[in-house]
Amino acid sequence: MKPLAIFLNATVFCSTLFMVASCKKDSVDPNLPVLNLHPVNVTGKTGQVFKDTLDIQAPYGAKTLVISKTVNLVADNVFGAQTVTPESIGDNSFRYIFSYTYQPEEVDKLVGINFHFEDDKGNAAEKDLTINTNASGVQTIYSHTWKLVSKFWTSIDPATESINDCEKDDVWNYNRDSSISLNYGASACLFDGFNIFDKWYLSADEKKFTRIYHSVFDPTKITKEEYDIISITRDKLVMQIALDLTVFGYSDHEVFVFTYQSE
């Protein structure tokens, strides 16, 4: 029995040594790089710019930081793999400020930005940013053709529809380059073509729509119309303007609500 006891004790001792060795071998290196991205999910409108902060804790130093992009889980080869240099902020800490503009072609698509970091010992860590892009008011306007369907006079009692039949086939294109194309259709109004529409703008807060035109008879006679936006959707554009109609016996602040439908 004594030789068996010695054998069992030796087996237990060896097993214990193996477990200790395994634990030491499998223990996590406390100096591996750690990445923190804030925020990790952003949402904005096309044309807007956002900044994101990537903080890196890397006791072994910073070797490379590579940024790549996917659209609907497919690599964006135009964006490519961009190698950047994070800024050292002391105490083995590094920081990179990522700047990005929401893109019109990425509306309603799944866009991901991957940050792949390696320290000087080849240890790697990653973080992912998800970008959600919505169409801005500007993009919504230039992406559609608009037909005037209502010109509601709200400042008189009772309020009344004032659109003329000859205006109901007017079709407007507010182009991406801020130019304006207007098709008067088959039913021409008396003064159609007397004004040349030049430019349009939407304020950054999407509350003001400006339309500029000049007289075909006198190009120096330039008029700027400023509308208050009521709503912008892919189906409908609604805005109002106050006009001076004292020459016709009304007030200098007659309010009209213009409604356009997209075609």
C-alpha atoms as a PDB file:
ATOM      1  CA  MET A   1       0.000   0.000   0.000  1.00  0.00           C
ATOM      2  CA  LYS A   2       2.884   2.327   0.721  1.00  0.00           C
ATOM      3  CA  PRO A   3       4.218   2.361  -2.896  1.00  0.00           C
ATOM      4  CA  LEU A   4       0.647   3.088  -4.089  1.00  0.00           C
ATOM      5  CA  ALA A   5       0.334   6.035  -1.688  1.00  0.00           C
ATOM      6  CA  ILE A   6       3.607   7.460  -2.911  1.00  0.00           C
ATOM      7  CA  PHE A   7       2.415   7.083  -6.511  1.00  0.00           C
ATOM      8  CA  LEU A   8      -0.890   8.822  -5.768  1.00  0.00           C
ATOM      9  CA  ASN A   9       0.834  11.673  -3.945  1.00  0.00           C
ATOM     10  CA  ALA A  10       3.225  12.102  -6.828  1.00  0.00           C
ATOM     11  CA  THR A  11       0.338  12.120  -9.306  1.00  0.00           C
ATOM     12  CA  VAL A  12      -1.510  14.788  -7.310  1.00  0.00           C
ATOM     13  CA  PHE A  13       1.672  16.848  -7.001  1.00  0.00           C
ATOM     14  CA  CYS A  14       2.330  16.686 -10.756  1.00  0.00           C
ATOM     15  CA  SER A  15      -1.272  17.554 -11.544  1.00  0.00           C
ATOM     16  CA  THR A  16      -1.053  20.551  -9.246  1.00  0.00           C
ATOM     17  CA  LEU A  17       2.149  21.703 -10.916  1.00  0.00           C
ATOM     18  CA  PHE A  18       0.519  21.288 -14.349  1.00  0.00           C
ATOM     19  CA  MET A  19      -2.515  23.334 -13.301  1.00  0.00           C
ATOM     20  CA  VAL A  20      -0.342  26.119 -11.901  1.00  0.00           C
ATOM     21  CA  ALA A  21       1.753  26.149 -15.045  1.00  0.00           C
ATOM     22  CA  SER A  22      -1.376  26.180 -17.203  1.00  0.00           C
ATOM     23  CA  CYS A  23      -2.874  29.045 -15.221  1.00  0.00           C
ATOM     24  CA  LYS A  24       0.297  31.064 -15.622  1.00  0.00           C
ATOM     25  CA  LYS A  25       0.402  30.281 -19.318  1.00  0.00           C
ATOM     26  CA  ASP A  26      -3.272  31.175 -19.872  1.00  0.00           C
ATOM     27  CA  SER A  27      -3.312  34.337 -17.764  1.00  0.00           C
ATOM     28  CA  VAL A  28      -4.191  37.543 -19.604  1.00  0.00           C
ATOM     29  CA  ASP A  29      -1.449  40.072 -20.112  1.00  0.00           C
ATOM     30  CA  PRO A  30      -2.625  43.183 -18.237  1.00  0.00           C
ATOM     31  CA  ASN A  31      -0.703  45.369 -20.672  1.00  0.00           C
ATOM     32  CA  LEU A  32      -2.686  44.483 -23.784  1.00  0.00           C
ATOM     33  CA  PRO A  33      -4.087  47.497 -25.650  1.00  0.00           C
ATOM     34  CA  VAL A  34      -7.593  48.690 -24.804  1.00  0.00           C
ATOM     35  CA  LEU A  35      -9.692  50.841 -27.145  1.00  0.00           C
ATOM     36  CA  ASN A  36     -12.615  53.046 -26.159  1.00  0.00           C
ATOM     37  CA  LEU A  37     -14.739  54.767 -28.793  1.00  0.00           C
ATOM     38  CA  HIS A  38     -17.319  57.361 -27.867  1.00  0.00           C
ATOM     39  CA  PRO A  39     -19.844  57.326 -29.315  1.00  0.00           C
ATOM     40  CA  VAL A  40     -20.025  53.943 -31.061  1.00  0.00           C
ATOM     41  CA  ASN A  41     -23.228  54.741 -32.951  1.00  0.00           C
ATOM     42  CA  VAL A  42     -24.010  58.043 -34.690  1.00  0.00           C
ATOM     43  CA  THR A  43     -26.967  59.372 -36.689  1.00  0.00           C
ATOM     44  CA  GLY A  44     -27.089  62.512 -38.804  1.00  0.00           C
ATOM     45  CA  LYS A  45     -28.184  64.148 -42.037  1.00  0.00           C
ATOM     46  CA  THR A  46     -26.280  64.280 -45.295  1.00  0.00           C
ATOM     47  CA  GLY A  47     -23.764  67.064 -45.491  1.00  0.00           C
ATOM     48  CA  GLN A  48     -23.347  67.296 -41.733  1.00  0.00           C
ATOM     49  CA  VAL A  49     -19.921  66.634 -40.208  1.00  0.00           C
ATOM     50  CA  PHE A  50     -19.381  64.725 -36.975  1.00  0.00           C
ATOM     51  CA  LYS A  51     -16.313  63.950 -34.899  1.00  0.00           C
ATOM     52  CA  ASP A  52     -15.703  60.801 -32.882  1.00  0.00           C
ATOM     53  CA  THR A  53     -13.020  60.179 -30.262  1.00  0.00           C
ATOM     54  CA  LEU A  54     -10.986  56.986 -30.052  1.00  0.00           C
ATOM     55  CA  ASP A  55      -9.028  56.628 -26.792  1.00  0.00           C
ATOM     56  CA  ILE A  56      -6.280  54.026 -26.639  1.00  0.00           C
ATOM     57  CA  GLN A  57      -4.504  52.615 -23.620  1.00  0.00           C
ATOM     58  CA  ALA A  58      -1.298  50.899 -24.851  1.00  0.00           C
ATOM     59  CA  PRO A  59       1.499  50.224 -22.314  1.00  0.00           C
ATOM     60  CA  TYR A  60       3.654  48.685 -25.075  1.00  0.00           C
ATOM     61  CA  GLY A  61       3.342  51.769 -27.262  1.00  0.00           C
ATOM     62  CA  ALA A  62       1.504  52.507 -30.502  1.00  0.00           C
ATOM     63  CA  LYS A  63       2.652  50.911 -33.726  1.00  0.00           C
ATOM     64  CA  THR A  64      -0.248  51.303 -36.203  1.00  0.00           C
ATOM     65  CA  LEU A  65      -3.853  52.430 -36.341  1.00  0.00           C
ATOM     66  CA  VAL A  66      -5.677  51.417 -39.529  1.00  0.00           C
ATOM     67  CA  ILE A  67      -9.160  52.649 -40.394  1.00  0.00           C
ATOM     68  CA  SER A  68     -11.369  50.847 -42.913  1.00  0.00           C
ATOM     69  CA  LYS A  69     -14.984  51.158 -43.992  1.00  0.00           C
ATOM     70  CA  THR A  70     -17.836  48.920 -45.117  1.00  0.00           C
ATOM     71  CA  VAL A  71     -21.149  49.779 -46.747  1.00  0.00           C
ATOM     72  CA  ASN A  72     -23.810  47.100 -46.314  1.00  0.00           C
ATOM     73  CA  LEU A  73     -21.030  44.815 -45.056  1.00  0.00           C
ATOM     74  CA  VAL A  74     -19.015  45.230 -48.273  1.00  0.00           C
ATOM     75  CA  ALA A  75     -15.562  46.798 -48.106  1.00  0.00           C
ATOM     76  CA  ASP A  76     -15.411  50.344 -49.473  1.00  0.00           C
ATOM     77  CA  ASN A  77     -12.382  50.191 -51.748  1.00  0.00           C
ATOM     78  CA  VAL A  78     -12.542  53.914 -52.450  1.00  0.00           C
ATOM     79  CA  PHE A  79     -12.142  54.659 -48.746  1.00  0.00           C
ATOM     80  CA  GLY A  80      -9.489  51.956 -48.563  1.00  0.00           C
ATOM     81  CA  ALA A  81      -7.399  51.093 -45.509  1.00  0.00           C
ATOM     82  CA  GLN A  82      -6.140  54.354 -44.054  1.00  0.00           C
ATOM     83  CA  THR A  83      -3.156  54.277 -41.700  1.00  0.00           C
ATOM     84  CA  VAL A  84      -3.232  57.173 -39.253  1.00  0.00           C
ATOM     85  CA  THR A  85      -1.173  58.262 -36.263  1.00  0.00           C
ATOM     86  CA  PRO A  86      -2.902  58.664 -32.899  1.00  0.00           C
ATOM     87  CA  GLU A  87      -1.754  61.488 -30.653  1.00  0.00           C
ATOM     88  CA  SER A  88       0.138  60.603 -27.478  1.00  0.00           C
ATOM     89  CA  ILE A  89      -1.538  62.181 -24.450  1.00  0.00           C
ATOM     90  CA  GLY A  90       0.823  60.669 -21.801  1.00  0.00           C
ATOM     91  CA  ASP A  91       0.712  57.724 -19.391  1.00  0.00           C
ATOM     92  CA  ASN A  92       0.730  55.181 -22.230  1.00  0.00           C
ATOM     93  CA  SER A  93      -2.436  56.786 -23.548  1.00  0.00           C
ATOM     94  CA  PHE A  94      -3.193  57.816 -27.119  1.00  0.00           C
ATOM     95  CA  ARG A  95      -6.087  59.551 -28.812  1.00  0.00           C
ATOM     96  CA  TYR A  96      -7.400  59.869 -32.351  1.00  0.00           C
ATOM     97  CA  ILE A  97     -10.174  62.250 -33.444  1.00  0.00           C
ATOM     98  CA  PHE A  98     -12.101  60.806 -36.378  1.00  0.00           C
ATOM     99  CA  SER A  99     -13.979  63.244 -38.618  1.00  0.00           C
ATOM    100  CA  TYR A 100     -16.581  62.204 -41.180  1.00  0.00           C
ATOM    101  CA  THR A 101     -19.215  63.805 -43.394  1.00  0.00           C
ATOM    102  CA  TYR A 102     -22.543  62.019 -43.805  1.00  0.00           C
ATOM    103  CA  GLN A 103     -22.733  61.058 -47.482  1.00  0.00           C
ATOM    104  CA  PRO A 104     -25.838  61.416 -49.714  1.00  0.00           C
ATOM    105  CA  GLU A 105     -25.282  58.013 -51.307  1.00  0.00           C
ATOM    106  CA  GLU A 106     -25.254  56.325 -47.887  1.00  0.00           C
ATOM    107  CA  VAL A 107     -28.808  57.201 -46.872  1.00  0.00           C
ATOM    108  CA  ASP A 108     -30.596  54.160 -45.400  1.00  0.00           C
ATOM    109  CA  LYS A 109     -27.457  52.015 -45.753  1.00  0.00           C
ATOM    110  CA  LEU A 110     -25.453  50.202 -43.095  1.00  0.00           C
ATOM    111  CA  VAL A 111     -22.111  51.987 -42.841  1.00  0.00           C
ATOM    112  CA  GLY A 112     -19.373  50.752 -40.524  1.00  0.00           C
ATOM    113  CA  ILE A 113     -15.973  52.158 -39.637  1.00  0.00           C
ATOM    114  CA  ASN A 114     -13.395  49.752 -38.189  1.00  0.00           C
ATOM    115  CA  PHE A 115     -10.450  50.916 -36.095  1.00  0.00           C
ATOM    116  CA  HIS A 116      -7.657  48.293 -35.967  1.00  0.00           C
ATOM    117  CA  PHE A 117      -4.811  49.057 -33.567  1.00  0.00           C
ATOM    118  CA  GLU A 118      -1.524  47.237 -32.983  1.00  0.00           C
ATOM    119  CA  ASP A 119       1.060  47.984 -30.320  1.00  0.00           C
ATOM    120  CA  ASP A 120       4.847  47.631 -30.647  1.00  0.00           C
ATOM    121  CA  LYS A 121       4.683  43.964 -29.592  1.00  0.00           C
ATOM    122  CA  GLY A 122       2.091  43.061 -32.235  1.00  0.00           C
ATOM    123  CA  ASN A 123      -0.861  42.855 -29.862  1.00  0.00           C
ATOM    124  CA  ALA A 124      -4.058  43.987 -31.588  1.00  0.00           C
ATOM    125  CA  ALA A 125      -7.385  45.487 -30.563  1.00  0.00           C
ATOM    126  CA  GLU A 126     -10.375  46.745 -32.560  1.00  0.00           C
ATOM    127  CA  LYS A 127     -13.419  48.974 -32.265  1.00  0.00           C
ATOM    128  CA  ASP A 128     -16.329  49.536 -34.659  1.00  0.00           C
ATOM    129  CA  LEU A 129     -18.378  52.640 -35.335  1.00  0.00           C
ATOM    130  CA  THR A 130     -21.862  52.433 -36.883  1.00  0.00           C
ATOM    131  CA  ILE A 131     -23.003  55.365 -39.029  1.00  0.00           C
ATOM    132  CA  ASN A 132     -26.694  55.975 -39.757  1.00  0.00           C
ATOM    133  CA  THR A 133     -27.358  58.553 -42.484  1.00  0.00           C
ATOM    134  CA  ASN A 134     -30.672  60.299 -43.103  1.00  0.00           C
ATOM    135  CA  ALA A 135     -31.451  62.513 -46.075  1.00  0.00           C
ATOM    136  CA  SER A 136     -31.090  66.203 -45.305  1.00  0.00           C
ATOM    137  CA  GLY A 137     -33.743  68.656 -46.379  1.00  0.00           C
ATOM    138  CA  VAL A 138     -31.435  69.827 -49.165  1.00  0.00           C
ATOM    139  CA  GLN A 139     -30.979  66.294 -50.495  1.00  0.00           C
ATOM    140  CA  THR A 140     -34.702  65.591 -50.269  1.00  0.00           C
ATOM    141  CA  ILE A 141     -35.446  68.699 -52.306  1.00  0.00           C
ATOM    142  CA  TYR A 142     -32.872  68.183 -55.060  1.00  0.00           C
ATOM    143  CA  SER A 143     -33.597  64.456 -55.339  1.00  0.00           C
ATOM    144  CA  HIS A 144     -37.186  64.972 -56.497  1.00  0.00           C
ATOM    145  CA  THR A 145     -39.206  66.787 -59.113  1.00  0.00           C
ATOM    146  CA  TRP A 146     -41.899  68.970 -57.548  1.00  0.00           C
ATOM    147  CA  LYS A 147     -45.354  69.788 -58.868  1.00  0.00           C
ATOM    148  CA  LEU A 148     -47.288  72.734 -57.419  1.00  0.00           C
ATOM    149  CA  VAL A 149     -50.661  71.452 -56.173  1.00  0.00           C
ATOM    150  CA  SER A 150     -51.847  74.194 -53.824  1.00  0.00           C
ATOM    151  CA  LYS A 151     -51.398  77.890 -53.112  1.00  0.00           C
ATOM    152  CA  PHE A 152     -53.588  78.427 -50.064  1.00  0.00           C
ATOM    153  CA  TRP A 153     -54.280  82.013 -48.998  1.00  0.00           C
ATOM    154  CA  THR A 154     -54.529  81.802 -45.210  1.00  0.00           C
ATOM    155  CA  SER A 155     -54.577  85.455 -44.115  1.00  0.00           C
ATOM    156  CA  ILE A 156     -58.021  86.251 -45.500  1.00  0.00           C
ATOM    157  CA  ASP A 157     -61.329  85.217 -44.021  1.00  0.00           C
ATOM    158  CA  PRO A 158     -62.316  82.696 -45.077  1.00  0.00           C
ATOM    159  CA  ALA A 159     -58.995  81.198 -46.147  1.00  0.00           C
ATOM    160  CA  THR A 160     -59.159  80.105 -49.736  1.00  0.00           C
ATOM    161  CA  GLU A 161     -57.332  78.172 -52.427  1.00  0.00           C
ATOM    162  CA  SER A 162     -55.762  80.619 -54.882  1.00  0.00           C
ATOM    163  CA  ILE A 163     -53.882  78.388 -57.306  1.00  0.00           C
ATOM    164  CA  ASN A 164     -54.705  79.058 -60.948  1.00  0.00           C
ATOM    165  CA  ASP A 165     -55.510  76.196 -63.311  1.00  0.00           C
ATOM    166  CA  CYS A 166     -52.553  77.204 -65.484  1.00  0.00           C
ATOM    167  CA  GLU A 167     -50.205  76.674 -62.501  1.00  0.00           C
ATOM    168  CA  LYS A 168     -51.301  73.127 -61.771  1.00  0.00           C
ATOM    169  CA  ASP A 169     -48.964  71.612 -64.361  1.00  0.00           C
ATOM    170  CA  ASP A 170     -45.921  73.661 -63.295  1.00  0.00           C
ATOM    171  CA  VAL A 171     -43.038  71.336 -62.471  1.00  0.00           C
ATOM    172  CA  TRP A 172     -39.991  72.511 -60.541  1.00  0.00           C
ATOM    173  CA  ASN A 173     -36.535  71.006 -60.292  1.00  0.00           C
ATOM    174  CA  TYR A 174     -34.398  72.458 -57.524  1.00  0.00           C
ATOM    175  CA  ASN A 175     -31.062  71.100 -58.670  1.00  0.00           C
ATOM    176  CA  ARG A 176     -28.162  69.927 -56.541  1.00  0.00           C
ATOM    177  CA  ASP A 177     -25.965  72.810 -57.747  1.00  0.00           C
ATOM    178  CA  SER A 178     -28.606  75.300 -56.472  1.00  0.00           C
ATOM    179  CA  SER A 179     -29.854  76.097 -59.981  1.00  0.00           C
ATOM    180  CA  ILE A 180     -33.557  75.928 -60.813  1.00  0.00           C
ATOM    181  CA  SER A 181     -35.319  74.318 -63.772  1.00  0.00           C
ATOM    182  CA  LEU A 182     -38.972  75.151 -64.349  1.00  0.00           C
ATOM    183  CA  ASN A 183     -41.353  73.533 -66.829  1.00  0.00           C
ATOM    184  CA  TYR A 184     -44.581  75.519 -67.173  1.00  0.00           C
ATOM    185  CA  GLY A 185     -46.381  72.606 -68.802  1.00  0.00           C
ATOM    186  CA  ALA A 186     -49.049  72.835 -71.498  1.00  0.00           C
ATOM    187  CA  SER A 187     -51.289  75.338 -69.667  1.00  0.00           C
ATOM    188  CA  ALA A 188     -49.317  78.575 -69.686  1.00  0.00           C
ATOM    189  CA  CYS A 189     -50.240  81.497 -67.452  1.00  0.00           C
ATOM    190  CA  LEU A 190     -50.188  85.045 -68.808  1.00  0.00           C
ATOM    191  CA  PHE A 191     -46.879  86.014 -67.182  1.00  0.00           C
ATOM    192  CA  ASP A 192     -45.032  82.680 -67.530  1.00  0.00           C
ATOM    193  CA  GLY A 193     -41.471  83.253 -68.646  1.00  0.00           C
ATOM    194  CA  PHE A 194     -41.336  86.877 -67.488  1.00  0.00           C
ATOM    195  CA  ASN A 195     -39.010  85.853 -64.641  1.00  0.00           C
ATOM    196  CA  ILE A 196     -35.890  83.697 -64.823  1.00  0.00           C
ATOM    197  CA  PHE A 197     -35.316  81.620 -61.693  1.00  0.00           C
ATOM    198  CA  ASP A 198     -31.635  81.512 -60.805  1.00  0.00           C
ATOM    199  CA  LYS A 199     -30.829  79.978 -57.426  1.00  0.00           C
ATOM    200  CA  TRP A 200     -32.364  78.305 -54.404  1.00  0.00           C
ATOM    201  CA  TYR A 201     -31.044  77.770 -50.894  1.00  0.00           C
ATOM    202  CA  LEU A 202     -32.138  76.040 -47.713  1.00  0.00           C
ATOM    203  CA  SER A 203     -30.868  77.352 -44.390  1.00  0.00           C
ATOM    204  CA  ALA A 204     -28.712  75.090 -42.224  1.00  0.00           C
ATOM    205  CA  ASP A 205     -31.537  74.681 -39.716  1.00  0.00           C
ATOM    206  CA  GLU A 206     -33.906  73.780 -42.595  1.00  0.00           C
ATOM    207  CA  LYS A 207     -36.365  76.492 -41.567  1.00  0.00           C
ATOM    208  CA  LYS A 208     -35.923  78.956 -44.435  1.00  0.00           C
ATOM    209  CA  PHE A 209     -36.144  78.347 -48.187  1.00  0.00           C
ATOM    210  CA  THR A 210     -34.846  81.117 -50.447  1.00  0.00           C
ATOM    211  CA  ARG A 211     -35.581  81.456 -54.162  1.00  0.00           C
ATOM    212  CA  ILE A 212     -33.914  84.101 -56.336  1.00  0.00           C
ATOM    213  CA  TYR A 213     -35.060  85.254 -59.751  1.00  0.00           C
ATOM    214  CA  HIS A 214     -34.569  88.165 -62.145  1.00  0.00           C
ATOM    215  CA  SER A 215     -36.717  89.872 -64.748  1.00  0.00           C
ATOM    216  CA  VAL A 216     -36.262  88.671 -68.307  1.00  0.00           C
ATOM    217  CA  PHE A 217     -36.590  92.302 -69.415  1.00  0.00           C
ATOM    218  CA  ASP A 218     -34.133  93.704 -66.858  1.00  0.00           C
ATOM    219  CA  PRO A 219     -31.511  91.278 -65.468  1.00  0.00           C
ATOM    220  CA  THR A 220     -30.539  93.834 -62.840  1.00  0.00           C
ATOM    221  CA  LYS A 221     -33.997  93.597 -61.299  1.00  0.00           C
ATOM    222  CA  ILE A 222     -33.392  90.741 -58.870  1.00  0.00           C
ATOM    223  CA  THR A 223     -35.989  89.437 -56.438  1.00  0.00           C
ATOM    224  CA  LYS A 224     -35.334  87.239 -53.409  1.00  0.00           C
ATOM    225  CA  GLU A 225     -38.267  85.245 -52.038  1.00  0.00           C
ATOM    226  CA  GLU A 226     -37.926  83.808 -48.549  1.00  0.00           C
ATOM    227  CA  TYR A 227     -40.294  81.051 -47.455  1.00  0.00           C
ATOM    228  CA  ASP A 228     -40.810  79.509 -44.016  1.00  0.00           C
ATOM    229  CA  ILE A 229     -40.569  75.743 -44.213  1.00  0.00           C
ATOM    230  CA  ILE A 230     -43.564  73.906 -42.765  1.00  0.00           C
ATOM    231  CA  SER A 231     -42.509  70.374 -43.713  1.00  0.00           C
ATOM    232  CA  ILE A 232     -40.145  68.495 -46.017  1.00  0.00           C
ATOM    233  CA  THR A 233     -40.696  64.840 -46.849  1.00  0.00           C
ATOM    234  CA  ARG A 234     -39.883  62.737 -49.873  1.00  0.00           C
ATOM    235  CA  ASP A 235     -43.525  63.074 -50.951  1.00  0.00           C
ATOM    236  CA  LYS A 236     -44.419  66.642 -50.087  1.00  0.00           C
ATOM    237  CA  LEU A 237     -42.823  70.064 -49.672  1.00  0.00           C
ATOM    238  CA  VAL A 238     -44.883  72.633 -47.774  1.00  0.00           C
ATOM    239  CA  MET A 239     -43.793  76.212 -47.124  1.00  0.00           C
ATOM    240  CA  GLN A 240     -45.337  79.621 -46.595  1.00  0.00           C
ATOM    241  CA  ILE A 241     -44.532  83.186 -47.538  1.00  0.00           C
ATOM    242  CA  ALA A 242     -45.885  86.625 -46.622  1.00  0.00           C
ATOM    243  CA  LEU A 243     -46.453  88.925 -49.621  1.00  0.00           C
ATOM    244  CA  ASP A 244     -47.078  92.636 -49.875  1.00  0.00           C
ATOM    245  CA  LEU A 245     -50.353  93.004 -51.771  1.00  0.00           C
ATOM    246  CA  THR A 246     -51.122  96.615 -50.910  1.00  0.00           C
ATOM    247  CA  VAL A 247     -51.073  97.468 -54.615  1.00  0.00           C
ATOM    248  CA  PHE A 248     -54.162  95.239 -54.948  1.00  0.00           C
ATOM    249  CA  GLY A 249     -55.908  96.676 -51.906  1.00  0.00           C
ATOM    250  CA  TYR A 250     -54.814  94.046 -49.413  1.00  0.00           C
ATOM    251  CA  SER A 251     -52.270  94.210 -46.578  1.00  0.00           C
ATOM    252  CA  ASP A 252     -48.493  94.110 -46.800  1.00  0.00           C
ATOM    253  CA  HIS A 253     -48.485  90.735 -45.034  1.00  0.00           C
ATOM    254  CA  GLU A 254     -50.734  88.357 -46.928  1.00  0.00           C
ATOM    255  CA  VAL A 255     -49.752  84.766 -46.121  1.00  0.00           C
ATOM    256  CA  PHE A 256     -49.795  81.963 -48.691  1.00  0.00           C
ATOM    257  CA  VAL A 257     -49.011  78.300 -48.079  1.00  0.00           C
ATOM    258  CA  PHE A 258     -47.446  76.587 -51.096  1.00  0.00           C
ATOM    259  CA  THR A 259     -47.696  72.800 -51.351  1.00  0.00           C
ATOM    260  CA  TYR A 260     -45.670  70.752 -53.800  1.00  0.00           C
ATOM    261  CA  GLN A 261     -45.908  67.026 -54.403  1.00  0.00           C
ATOM    262  CA  SER A 262     -43.014  64.982 -55.711  1.00  0.00           C
ATOM    263  CA  GLU A 263     -43.427  63.183 -59.010  1.00  0.00           C
END
